[in-house]
Protein backbone atom coordinates (compact mmCIF):
# COMPACT_ATOMS: atom_id res chain seq x y z
CA MET A 1 128.29 108.22 151.09
CA GLU A 2 124.61 107.34 150.87
CA ILE A 3 122.30 107.28 147.88
CA THR A 4 119.53 109.66 148.88
CA ASP A 5 117.51 109.78 145.65
CA VAL A 6 117.17 107.87 142.39
CA ARG A 7 115.04 109.39 139.64
CA VAL A 8 113.99 107.58 136.52
CA ARG A 9 113.85 110.40 133.99
CA LYS A 10 113.00 108.48 130.84
CA VAL A 11 111.89 104.90 130.19
CA ASN A 12 112.23 103.32 126.75
CA LYS A 13 110.43 100.11 125.92
CA GLU A 14 112.19 99.62 122.57
CA GLY A 15 115.92 99.19 122.01
CA LYS A 16 118.72 98.19 124.35
CA MET A 17 118.79 101.44 126.35
CA LYS A 18 115.88 101.09 128.77
CA ALA A 19 116.10 104.19 130.97
CA VAL A 20 118.00 107.35 131.84
CA ILE A 21 118.59 107.86 135.55
CA SER A 22 119.80 110.56 137.95
CA VAL A 23 121.29 109.58 141.31
CA THR A 24 121.74 111.94 144.26
CA PHE A 25 124.32 111.25 146.96
CA ASP A 26 124.01 112.64 150.52
CA ASN A 27 121.42 115.18 149.30
CA GLU A 28 124.44 117.15 148.03
CA PHE A 29 125.75 115.71 144.76
CA VAL A 30 123.91 114.41 141.69
CA VAL A 31 125.04 112.36 138.70
CA HIS A 32 122.78 112.60 135.63
CA ASP A 33 122.58 110.47 132.50
CA ILE A 34 123.27 107.05 133.96
CA LYS A 35 121.75 104.59 131.53
CA VAL A 36 120.03 101.27 132.15
CA ILE A 37 121.08 98.95 129.33
CA GLU A 38 119.65 95.54 128.46
CA ARG A 39 121.93 92.76 127.27
CA GLU A 40 121.61 88.98 127.09
CA GLN A 41 122.95 88.54 130.64
CA GLY A 42 120.40 91.02 132.02
CA LEU A 43 120.27 94.70 132.89
CA PHE A 44 123.30 96.77 133.83
CA ILE A 45 124.13 100.44 134.25
CA ALA A 46 126.37 102.57 132.07
CA MET A 47 127.84 105.64 133.68
CA PRO A 48 127.71 108.99 131.84
CA SER A 49 130.39 109.14 129.17
CA ARG A 50 131.83 111.33 126.47
CA LYS A 51 133.30 110.39 123.10
CA SER A 52 137.03 111.12 123.01
CA ALA A 53 139.05 112.32 120.01
CA ASP A 54 140.05 108.72 119.22
CA GLY A 55 136.37 107.69 118.98
CA GLU A 56 136.22 105.76 122.25
CA PHE A 57 133.70 106.53 124.97
CA ARG A 58 135.17 107.39 128.37
CA ASP A 59 133.22 107.63 131.62
CA ILE A 60 132.85 111.17 132.97
CA ALA A 61 131.93 109.96 136.46
CA HIS A 62 132.19 106.44 137.82
CA PRO A 63 132.57 104.45 141.05
CA ILE A 64 136.13 103.65 142.09
CA ASN A 65 135.44 100.07 143.22
CA GLY A 66 133.12 97.16 142.52
CA VAL A 67 131.32 97.35 145.86
CA THR A 68 130.23 100.92 145.18
CA ARG A 69 129.24 100.08 141.61
CA GLU A 70 127.06 97.21 142.87
CA LYS A 71 125.44 99.46 145.47
CA ILE A 72 124.60 102.08 142.84
CA GLN A 73 123.43 99.50 140.30
CA LYS A 74 121.18 97.77 142.85
CA ALA A 75 119.51 101.07 143.84
CA ILE A 76 119.03 102.08 140.19
CA LEU A 77 117.63 98.75 139.03
CA GLU A 78 115.21 98.58 141.98
CA LYS A 79 113.89 102.05 141.12
CA TYR A 80 113.72 101.18 137.42
CA GLU A 81 111.69 98.02 138.13
CA ALA A 82 109.35 100.05 140.36
CA ALA A 83 108.90 102.63 137.58
CA LEU A 84 108.04 99.84 135.12
CA ALA A 85 105.50 98.37 137.53
CA GLN A 86 103.91 101.78 138.08
CA GLU A 87 103.77 102.43 134.35
CA ALA A 88 102.11 99.04 133.76
CA GLU A 89 99.58 99.78 136.51
CA GLU A 90 98.74 103.16 134.95
CA GLU A 91 98.31 101.54 131.52
CA ALA A 92 95.98 98.93 133.02
CA LYS A 93 93.87 101.66 134.65
CA LYS A 94 93.60 103.51 131.32
CA THR A 95 92.50 100.31 129.60
CA ASP A 96 89.94 99.56 132.33
CA THR A 97 88.58 103.10 132.13
CA ALA A 98 88.30 102.97 128.33
CA VAL A 99 86.51 99.60 128.46
CA SER A 100 84.06 100.72 131.16
CA GLU A 101 83.20 103.92 129.24
CA ASN A 102 82.18 101.91 126.18
C-alpha cells in the first residue's frame, strides 16, 4: 500500500495541535482528521479517534504495526513542514509588498 497524497487541511500556530491532515492510499482510500501534535519530544501524529462511553478516546483507523506508522508519520511530517515553509514564504511576500507600497 502506497501513500499517494497527503493534504494539510488546517495549520494552527497556537496550541499543541498543529495541523489536521488527510492521507490517501493507492489513490483509492482516504483517512481524514489525522492530527499533528506537538509535545516536548517533538511532533507526532494522532490517528482519528472517537470518545467512548467510558470517556476514553479510541482510534477509529490506525496502522497495524510500527513500520507502517513510521511510514505514515514521516510522509505527514514532511508535508506539514513543507506547508509551514510555504506559509512563511507567503507571509514574507506580503510583508515585502506592504513595505514597498509605503
